[in-house]
Full PDB file with SEQRES, HELIX, SHEET, SSBOND, CRYST1, ORIGX, SCALE, CONECT and MASTER records, all heavy atoms in Angstrom:
SEQRES   1 A   30  VAL GLU LEU ILE ASP GLU LEU GLY GLU PHE ASP VAL ASP          
SEQRES   2 A   30  ILE THR ARG TYR ASP HIS ALA ASP ASN SER LEU ASN GLU          
SEQRES   3 A   30  ARG VAL GLU MET                                              
HELIX    1 AA1 GLU A    2  LEU A    7  1                                   6    
HELIX    2 AA2 LEU A   24  GLU A   29  1                                   6    
CRYST1    1.000    1.000    1.000  90.00  90.00  90.00 P 1           1          
ORIGX1      1.000000  0.000000  0.000000        0.00000                         
ORIGX2      0.000000  1.000000  0.000000        0.00000                         
ORIGX3      0.000000  0.000000  1.000000        0.00000                         
SCALE1      1.000000  0.000000  0.000000        0.00000                         
SCALE2      0.000000  1.000000  0.000000        0.00000                         
SCALE3      0.000000  0.000000  1.000000        0.00000                         
ATOM      1  N   VAL A   1      84.735 -64.506  23.946  1.00  0.00           N  
ATOM      2  CA  VAL A   1      84.642 -63.627  25.123  1.00  0.00           C  
ATOM      3  C   VAL A   1      85.819 -63.932  26.083  1.00  0.00           C  
ATOM      4  O   VAL A   1      86.440 -62.998  26.593  1.00  0.00           O  
ATOM      5  CB  VAL A   1      83.292 -63.810  25.838  1.00  0.00           C  
ATOM      6  CG1 VAL A   1      83.336 -63.131  27.217  1.00  0.00           C  
ATOM      7  CG2 VAL A   1      82.146 -63.270  24.958  1.00  0.00           C  
ATOM      8  N   GLU A   2      86.139 -65.204  26.276  1.00  0.00           N  
ATOM      9  CA  GLU A   2      87.185 -65.610  27.169  1.00  0.00           C  
ATOM     10  C   GLU A   2      88.546 -65.062  26.656  1.00  0.00           C  
ATOM     11  O   GLU A   2      89.336 -64.489  27.392  1.00  0.00           O  
ATOM     12  CB  GLU A   2      87.284 -67.137  27.273  1.00  0.00           C  
ATOM     13  CG  GLU A   2      88.321 -67.610  28.226  1.00  0.00           C  
ATOM     14  CD  GLU A   2      88.267 -69.139  28.408  1.00  0.00           C  
ATOM     15  OE1 GLU A   2      87.278 -69.770  27.928  1.00  0.00           O  
ATOM     16  OE2 GLU A   2      89.284 -69.647  28.979  1.00  0.00           O  
ATOM     17  N   LEU A   3      88.721 -65.158  25.332  1.00  0.00           N  
ATOM     18  CA  LEU A   3      89.974 -64.655  24.733  1.00  0.00           C  
ATOM     19  C   LEU A   3      90.063 -63.112  24.838  1.00  0.00           C  
ATOM     20  O   LEU A   3      91.112 -62.572  25.224  1.00  0.00           O  
ATOM     21  CB  LEU A   3      89.985 -65.022  23.294  1.00  0.00           C  
ATOM     22  CG  LEU A   3      91.273 -64.543  22.509  1.00  0.00           C  
ATOM     23  CD1 LEU A   3      92.592 -65.121  23.093  1.00  0.00           C  
ATOM     24  CD2 LEU A   3      91.195 -64.906  21.023  1.00  0.00           C  
ATOM     25  N   ILE A   4      88.942 -62.390  24.585  1.00  0.00           N  
ATOM     26  CA  ILE A   4      89.032 -60.963  24.709  1.00  0.00           C  
ATOM     27  C   ILE A   4      89.259 -60.527  26.143  1.00  0.00           C  
ATOM     28  O   ILE A   4      90.056 -59.619  26.392  1.00  0.00           O  
ATOM     29  CB  ILE A   4      87.640 -60.416  24.201  1.00  0.00           C  
ATOM     30  CG1 ILE A   4      87.446 -60.642  22.738  1.00  0.00           C  
ATOM     31  CG2 ILE A   4      87.484 -58.908  24.576  1.00  0.00           C  
ATOM     32  CD1 ILE A   4      86.060 -60.416  22.199  1.00  0.00           C  
ATOM     33  N   ASP A   5      88.603 -61.199  27.121  1.00  0.00           N  
ATOM     34  CA  ASP A   5      88.842 -60.892  28.549  1.00  0.00           C  
ATOM     35  C   ASP A   5      90.308 -61.119  28.916  1.00  0.00           C  
ATOM     36  O   ASP A   5      90.903 -60.338  29.699  1.00  0.00           O  
ATOM     37  CB  ASP A   5      87.944 -61.706  29.396  1.00  0.00           C  
ATOM     38  CG  ASP A   5      86.505 -61.172  29.383  1.00  0.00           C  
ATOM     39  OD1 ASP A   5      86.254 -60.021  28.871  1.00  0.00           O  
ATOM     40  OD2 ASP A   5      85.567 -61.891  29.781  1.00  0.00           O  
ATOM     41  N   GLU A   6      90.867 -62.177  28.377  1.00  0.00           N  
ATOM     42  CA  GLU A   6      92.253 -62.532  28.698  1.00  0.00           C  
ATOM     43  C   GLU A   6      93.267 -61.441  28.138  1.00  0.00           C  
ATOM     44  O   GLU A   6      94.198 -61.043  28.859  1.00  0.00           O  
ATOM     45  CB  GLU A   6      92.574 -63.873  28.128  1.00  0.00           C  
ATOM     46  CG  GLU A   6      94.024 -64.298  28.356  1.00  0.00           C  
ATOM     47  CD  GLU A   6      94.324 -65.663  27.679  1.00  0.00           C  
ATOM     48  OE1 GLU A   6      93.361 -66.441  27.397  1.00  0.00           O  
ATOM     49  OE2 GLU A   6      95.482 -65.933  27.390  1.00  0.00           O  
ATOM     50  N   LEU A   7      93.000 -61.067  26.957  1.00  0.00           N  
ATOM     51  CA  LEU A   7      93.913 -60.052  26.281  1.00  0.00           C  
ATOM     52  C   LEU A   7      93.648 -58.612  26.676  1.00  0.00           C  
ATOM     53  O   LEU A   7      94.582 -57.816  26.675  1.00  0.00           O  
ATOM     54  CB  LEU A   7      93.895 -60.268  24.783  1.00  0.00           C  
ATOM     55  CG  LEU A   7      94.357 -61.675  24.258  1.00  0.00           C  
ATOM     56  CD1 LEU A   7      94.200 -61.709  22.754  1.00  0.00           C  
ATOM     57  CD2 LEU A   7      95.761 -61.962  24.697  1.00  0.00           C  
ATOM     58  N   GLY A   8      92.429 -58.393  26.977  1.00  0.00           N  
ATOM     59  CA  GLY A   8      92.014 -57.060  27.596  1.00  0.00           C  
ATOM     60  C   GLY A   8      92.271 -55.876  26.696  1.00  0.00           C  
ATOM     61  O   GLY A   8      92.427 -54.746  27.238  1.00  0.00           O  
ATOM     62  N   GLU A   9      92.158 -56.003  25.404  1.00  0.00           N  
ATOM     63  CA  GLU A   9      92.403 -54.800  24.527  1.00  0.00           C  
ATOM     64  C   GLU A   9      91.186 -54.029  24.229  1.00  0.00           C  
ATOM     65  O   GLU A   9      91.301 -52.932  23.770  1.00  0.00           O  
ATOM     66  CB  GLU A   9      93.044 -55.288  23.205  1.00  0.00           C  
ATOM     67  CG  GLU A   9      94.438 -55.990  23.423  1.00  0.00           C  
ATOM     68  CD  GLU A   9      95.191 -56.208  22.089  1.00  0.00           C  
ATOM     69  OE1 GLU A   9      95.694 -55.213  21.559  1.00  0.00           O  
ATOM     70  OE2 GLU A   9      95.194 -57.332  21.656  1.00  0.00           O  
ATOM     71  N   PHE A  10      90.029 -54.598  24.471  1.00  0.00           N  
ATOM     72  CA  PHE A  10      88.749 -53.848  24.308  1.00  0.00           C  
ATOM     73  C   PHE A  10      87.701 -54.492  25.136  1.00  0.00           C  
ATOM     74  O   PHE A  10      87.914 -55.589  25.664  1.00  0.00           O  
ATOM     75  CB  PHE A  10      88.331 -53.721  22.829  1.00  0.00           C  
ATOM     76  CG  PHE A  10      88.428 -55.053  22.019  1.00  0.00           C  
ATOM     77  CD1 PHE A  10      87.430 -55.954  22.018  1.00  0.00           C  
ATOM     78  CD2 PHE A  10      89.576 -55.250  21.303  1.00  0.00           C  
ATOM     79  CE1 PHE A  10      87.532 -57.129  21.267  1.00  0.00           C  
ATOM     80  CE2 PHE A  10      89.696 -56.400  20.514  1.00  0.00           C  
ATOM     81  CZ  PHE A  10      88.673 -57.401  20.552  1.00  0.00           C  
ATOM     82  N   ASP A  11      86.576 -53.835  25.302  1.00  0.00           N  
ATOM     83  CA  ASP A  11      85.483 -54.338  26.218  1.00  0.00           C  
ATOM     84  C   ASP A  11      84.512 -55.148  25.355  1.00  0.00           C  
ATOM     85  O   ASP A  11      84.350 -54.929  24.170  1.00  0.00           O  
ATOM     86  CB  ASP A  11      84.769 -53.167  26.796  1.00  0.00           C  
ATOM     87  CG  ASP A  11      85.722 -52.416  27.810  1.00  0.00           C  
ATOM     88  OD1 ASP A  11      86.525 -53.079  28.412  1.00  0.00           O  
ATOM     89  OD2 ASP A  11      85.598 -51.172  27.858  1.00  0.00           O  
ATOM     90  N   VAL A  12      83.804 -56.055  26.004  1.00  0.00           N  
ATOM     91  CA  VAL A  12      82.856 -56.913  25.276  1.00  0.00           C  
ATOM     92  C   VAL A  12      81.645 -57.133  26.098  1.00  0.00           C  
ATOM     93  O   VAL A  12      81.696 -57.370  27.325  1.00  0.00           O  
ATOM     94  CB  VAL A  12      83.501 -58.255  24.924  1.00  0.00           C  
ATOM     95  CG1 VAL A  12      83.982 -59.029  26.154  1.00  0.00           C  
ATOM     96  CG2 VAL A  12      82.553 -59.103  23.992  1.00  0.00           C  
ATOM     97  N   ASP A  13      80.464 -57.106  25.388  1.00  0.00           N  
ATOM     98  CA  ASP A  13      79.209 -57.487  26.044  1.00  0.00           C  
ATOM     99  C   ASP A  13      78.623 -58.629  25.181  1.00  0.00           C  
ATOM    100  O   ASP A  13      79.047 -58.860  24.020  1.00  0.00           O  
ATOM    101  CB  ASP A  13      78.182 -56.295  26.045  1.00  0.00           C  
ATOM    102  CG  ASP A  13      78.646 -55.198  26.990  1.00  0.00           C  
ATOM    103  OD1 ASP A  13      78.971 -55.484  28.118  1.00  0.00           O  
ATOM    104  OD2 ASP A  13      78.589 -54.015  26.600  1.00  0.00           O  
ATOM    105  N   ILE A  14      77.586 -59.279  25.668  1.00  0.00           N  
ATOM    106  CA  ILE A  14      76.980 -60.405  25.024  1.00  0.00           C  
ATOM    107  C   ILE A  14      75.498 -60.290  25.111  1.00  0.00           C  
ATOM    108  O   ILE A  14      74.943 -59.849  26.139  1.00  0.00           O  
ATOM    109  CB  ILE A  14      77.532 -61.759  25.586  1.00  0.00           C  
ATOM    110  CG1 ILE A  14      77.075 -62.938  24.779  1.00  0.00           C  
ATOM    111  CG2 ILE A  14      77.150 -61.880  27.086  1.00  0.00           C  
ATOM    112  CD1 ILE A  14      77.775 -64.241  25.179  1.00  0.00           C  
ATOM    113  N   THR A  15      74.768 -60.707  24.022  1.00  0.00           N  
ATOM    114  CA  THR A  15      73.294 -60.539  24.031  1.00  0.00           C  
ATOM    115  C   THR A  15      72.581 -61.644  24.775  1.00  0.00           C  
ATOM    116  O   THR A  15      71.347 -61.442  25.147  1.00  0.00           O  
ATOM    117  CB  THR A  15      72.773 -60.471  22.570  1.00  0.00           C  
ATOM    118  OG1 THR A  15      73.084 -61.689  21.896  1.00  0.00           O  
ATOM    119  CG2 THR A  15      73.375 -59.294  21.820  1.00  0.00           C  
ATOM    120  N   ARG A  16      73.144 -62.795  24.900  1.00  0.00           N  
ATOM    121  CA  ARG A  16      72.434 -63.862  25.665  1.00  0.00           C  
ATOM    122  C   ARG A  16      73.518 -64.758  26.342  1.00  0.00           C  
ATOM    123  O   ARG A  16      74.593 -64.847  25.943  1.00  0.00           O  
ATOM    124  CB  ARG A  16      71.587 -64.686  24.763  1.00  0.00           C  
ATOM    125  CG  ARG A  16      72.311 -65.675  23.816  1.00  0.00           C  
ATOM    126  CD  ARG A  16      71.324 -66.630  23.163  1.00  0.00           C  
ATOM    127  NE  ARG A  16      71.999 -67.487  22.170  1.00  0.00           N  
ATOM    128  CZ  ARG A  16      72.442 -68.718  22.352  1.00  0.00           C  
ATOM    129  NH1 ARG A  16      72.364 -69.187  23.593  1.00  0.00           N  
ATOM    130  NH2 ARG A  16      72.993 -69.411  21.373  1.00  0.00           N  
ATOM    131  N   TYR A  17      73.022 -65.359  27.451  1.00  0.00           N  
ATOM    132  CA  TYR A  17      73.846 -66.299  28.221  1.00  0.00           C  
ATOM    133  C   TYR A  17      73.201 -67.646  28.260  1.00  0.00           C  
ATOM    134  O   TYR A  17      71.972 -67.767  28.301  1.00  0.00           O  
ATOM    135  CB  TYR A  17      74.175 -65.781  29.574  1.00  0.00           C  
ATOM    136  CG  TYR A  17      75.033 -64.577  29.638  1.00  0.00           C  
ATOM    137  CD1 TYR A  17      74.492 -63.298  29.566  1.00  0.00           C  
ATOM    138  CD2 TYR A  17      76.428 -64.729  29.736  1.00  0.00           C  
ATOM    139  CE1 TYR A  17      75.345 -62.195  29.610  1.00  0.00           C  
ATOM    140  CE2 TYR A  17      77.288 -63.623  29.706  1.00  0.00           C  
ATOM    141  CZ  TYR A  17      76.761 -62.380  29.695  1.00  0.00           C  
ATOM    142  OH  TYR A  17      77.548 -61.239  29.697  1.00  0.00           O  
ATOM    143  N   ASP A  18      74.008 -68.715  28.180  1.00  0.00           N  
ATOM    144  CA  ASP A  18      73.543 -70.108  28.305  1.00  0.00           C  
ATOM    145  C   ASP A  18      72.421 -70.335  27.292  1.00  0.00           C  
ATOM    146  O   ASP A  18      72.656 -70.156  26.117  1.00  0.00           O  
ATOM    147  CB  ASP A  18      73.112 -70.373  29.720  1.00  0.00           C  
ATOM    148  CG  ASP A  18      74.232 -70.267  30.728  1.00  0.00           C  
ATOM    149  OD1 ASP A  18      75.368 -70.612  30.359  1.00  0.00           O  
ATOM    150  OD2 ASP A  18      74.053 -69.788  31.863  1.00  0.00           O  
ATOM    151  N   HIS A  19      71.317 -70.764  27.737  1.00  0.00           N  
ATOM    152  CA  HIS A  19      70.191 -71.239  26.900  1.00  0.00           C  
ATOM    153  C   HIS A  19      69.228 -70.138  26.567  1.00  0.00           C  
ATOM    154  O   HIS A  19      68.183 -70.344  25.864  1.00  0.00           O  
ATOM    155  CB  HIS A  19      69.467 -72.406  27.521  1.00  0.00           C  
ATOM    156  CG  HIS A  19      70.261 -73.571  27.746  1.00  0.00           C  
ATOM    157  ND1 HIS A  19      70.773 -74.351  26.735  1.00  0.00           N  
ATOM    158  CD2 HIS A  19      70.751 -74.105  28.973  1.00  0.00           C  
ATOM    159  CE1 HIS A  19      71.535 -75.334  27.252  1.00  0.00           C  
ATOM    160  NE2 HIS A  19      71.523 -75.232  28.576  1.00  0.00           N  
ATOM    161  N   ALA A  20      69.405 -68.967  26.982  1.00  0.00           N  
ATOM    162  CA  ALA A  20      68.482 -67.857  26.749  1.00  0.00           C  
ATOM    163  C   ALA A  20      68.207 -67.645  25.255  1.00  0.00           C  
ATOM    164  O   ALA A  20      69.088 -67.918  24.451  1.00  0.00           O  
ATOM    165  CB  ALA A  20      69.001 -66.552  27.315  1.00  0.00           C  
ATOM    166  N   ASP A  21      66.938 -67.402  24.877  1.00  0.00           N  
ATOM    167  CA  ASP A  21      66.616 -67.226  23.491  1.00  0.00           C  
ATOM    168  C   ASP A  21      65.966 -65.869  23.340  1.00  0.00           C  
ATOM    169  O   ASP A  21      64.772 -65.701  23.256  1.00  0.00           O  
ATOM    170  CB  ASP A  21      65.592 -68.291  23.075  1.00  0.00           C  
ATOM    171  CG  ASP A  21      65.340 -68.326  21.513  1.00  0.00           C  
ATOM    172  OD1 ASP A  21      66.155 -67.744  20.773  1.00  0.00           O  
ATOM    173  OD2 ASP A  21      64.316 -68.831  21.123  1.00  0.00           O  
ATOM    174  N   ASN A  22      66.814 -64.831  23.314  1.00  0.00           N  
ATOM    175  CA  ASN A  22      66.308 -63.502  23.149  1.00  0.00           C  
ATOM    176  C   ASN A  22      65.728 -63.251  21.775  1.00  0.00           C  
ATOM    177  O   ASN A  22      66.219 -63.830  20.777  1.00  0.00           O  
ATOM    178  CB  ASN A  22      67.424 -62.431  23.370  1.00  0.00           C  
ATOM    179  CG  ASN A  22      68.047 -62.563  24.778  1.00  0.00           C  
ATOM    180  OD1 ASN A  22      67.510 -63.236  25.616  1.00  0.00           O  
ATOM    181  ND2 ASN A  22      69.129 -61.819  25.012  1.00  0.00           N  
ATOM    182  N   SER A  23      64.695 -62.388  21.784  1.00  0.00           N  
ATOM    183  CA  SER A  23      64.088 -62.124  20.442  1.00  0.00           C  
ATOM    184  C   SER A  23      64.987 -61.225  19.603  1.00  0.00           C  
ATOM    185  O   SER A  23      65.922 -60.578  20.162  1.00  0.00           O  
ATOM    186  CB  SER A  23      62.784 -61.432  20.641  1.00  0.00           C  
ATOM    187  OG  SER A  23      62.963 -60.135  21.163  1.00  0.00           O  
ATOM    188  N   LEU A  24      64.763 -61.105  18.317  1.00  0.00           N  
ATOM    189  CA  LEU A  24      65.498 -60.207  17.472  1.00  0.00           C  
ATOM    190  C   LEU A  24      65.364 -58.776  17.960  1.00  0.00           C  
ATOM    191  O   LEU A  24      66.293 -57.999  17.925  1.00  0.00           O  
ATOM    192  CB  LEU A  24      65.067 -60.331  16.022  1.00  0.00           C  
ATOM    193  CG  LEU A  24      65.330 -61.673  15.398  1.00  0.00           C  
ATOM    194  CD1 LEU A  24      64.795 -61.634  13.902  1.00  0.00           C  
ATOM    195  CD2 LEU A  24      66.847 -61.966  15.356  1.00  0.00           C  
ATOM    196  N   ASN A  25      64.149 -58.435  18.411  1.00  0.00           N  
ATOM    197  CA  ASN A  25      63.918 -57.096  18.951  1.00  0.00           C  
ATOM    198  C   ASN A  25      64.760 -56.812  20.146  1.00  0.00           C  
ATOM    199  O   ASN A  25      65.377 -55.706  20.288  1.00  0.00           O  
ATOM    200  CB  ASN A  25      62.454 -56.857  19.306  1.00  0.00           C  
ATOM    201  CG  ASN A  25      61.529 -56.597  18.111  1.00  0.00           C  
ATOM    202  OD1 ASN A  25      62.063 -56.117  17.074  1.00  0.00           O  
ATOM    203  ND2 ASN A  25      60.285 -56.939  18.194  1.00  0.00           N  
ATOM    204  N   GLU A  26      64.875 -57.746  21.034  1.00  0.00           N  
ATOM    205  CA  GLU A  26      65.704 -57.599  22.261  1.00  0.00           C  
ATOM    206  C   GLU A  26      67.182 -57.431  21.870  1.00  0.00           C  
ATOM    207  O   GLU A  26      67.913 -56.607  22.538  1.00  0.00           O  
ATOM    208  CB  GLU A  26      65.551 -58.797  23.204  1.00  0.00           C  
ATOM    209  CG  GLU A  26      64.175 -58.833  23.834  1.00  0.00           C  
ATOM    210  CD  GLU A  26      63.970 -60.108  24.635  1.00  0.00           C  
ATOM    211  OE1 GLU A  26      64.328 -61.199  24.099  1.00  0.00           O  
ATOM    212  OE2 GLU A  26      63.450 -60.040  25.761  1.00  0.00           O  
ATOM    213  N   ARG A  27      67.639 -58.147  20.873  1.00  0.00           N  
ATOM    214  CA  ARG A  27      69.082 -58.020  20.465  1.00  0.00           C  
ATOM    215  C   ARG A  27      69.307 -56.609  19.879  1.00  0.00           C  
ATOM    216  O   ARG A  27      70.355 -56.031  20.160  1.00  0.00           O  
ATOM    217  CB  ARG A  27      69.352 -59.116  19.467  1.00  0.00           C  
ATOM    218  CG  ARG A  27      69.280 -60.545  20.110  1.00  0.00           C  
ATOM    219  CD  ARG A  27      69.296 -61.632  19.042  1.00  0.00           C  
ATOM    220  NE  ARG A  27      68.767 -62.855  19.534  1.00  0.00           N  
ATOM    221  CZ  ARG A  27      69.573 -63.959  19.916  1.00  0.00           C  
ATOM    222  NH1 ARG A  27      70.861 -63.917  19.723  1.00  0.00           N  
ATOM    223  NH2 ARG A  27      68.986 -65.002  20.364  1.00  0.00           N  
ATOM    224  N   VAL A  28      68.387 -56.165  19.082  1.00  0.00           N  
ATOM    225  CA  VAL A  28      68.540 -54.846  18.472  1.00  0.00           C  
ATOM    226  C   VAL A  28      68.495 -53.774  19.593  1.00  0.00           C  
ATOM    227  O   VAL A  28      69.292 -52.791  19.591  1.00  0.00           O  
ATOM    228  CB  VAL A  28      67.379 -54.599  17.429  1.00  0.00           C  
ATOM    229  CG1 VAL A  28      67.381 -53.109  17.027  1.00  0.00           C  
ATOM    230  CG2 VAL A  28      67.697 -55.474  16.177  1.00  0.00           C  
ATOM    231  N   GLU A  29      67.517 -53.927  20.529  1.00  0.00           N  
ATOM    232  CA  GLU A  29      67.405 -52.928  21.622  1.00  0.00           C  
ATOM    233  C   GLU A  29      68.683 -52.864  22.442  1.00  0.00           C  
ATOM    234  O   GLU A  29      69.159 -51.795  22.905  1.00  0.00           O  
ATOM    235  CB  GLU A  29      66.224 -53.263  22.492  1.00  0.00           C  
ATOM    236  CG  GLU A  29      64.916 -52.992  21.793  1.00  0.00           C  
ATOM    237  CD  GLU A  29      63.687 -53.555  22.478  1.00  0.00           C  
ATOM    238  OE1 GLU A  29      63.912 -54.156  23.640  1.00  0.00           O  
ATOM    239  OE2 GLU A  29      62.569 -53.504  22.023  1.00  0.00           O  
ATOM    240  N   MET A  30      69.330 -54.009  22.659  1.00  0.00           N  
ATOM    241  CA  MET A  30      70.546 -54.007  23.450  1.00  0.00           C  
ATOM    242  C   MET A  30      71.723 -53.272  22.675  1.00  0.00           C  
ATOM    243  O   MET A  30      72.442 -52.533  23.302  1.00  0.00           O  
ATOM    244  CB  MET A  30      71.010 -55.399  23.733  1.00  0.00           C  
ATOM    245  CG  MET A  30      72.211 -55.494  24.681  1.00  0.00           C  
ATOM    246  SD  MET A  30      72.578 -57.237  25.213  1.00  0.00           S  
ATOM    247  CE  MET A  30      73.957 -56.909  26.286  1.00  0.00           C  
TER     248      MET A  30                                                      
MASTER        0    0    0    2    0    0    0    6  247    1    0    3          
END                                                                             
């Protein structure tokens, strides 16, 4: 993510931050 943000060629999202443990359903829904 840091590299993508630095180079800025496309946008990026992430399914979890830090210690979060999202379910498989939550990842699919996102």
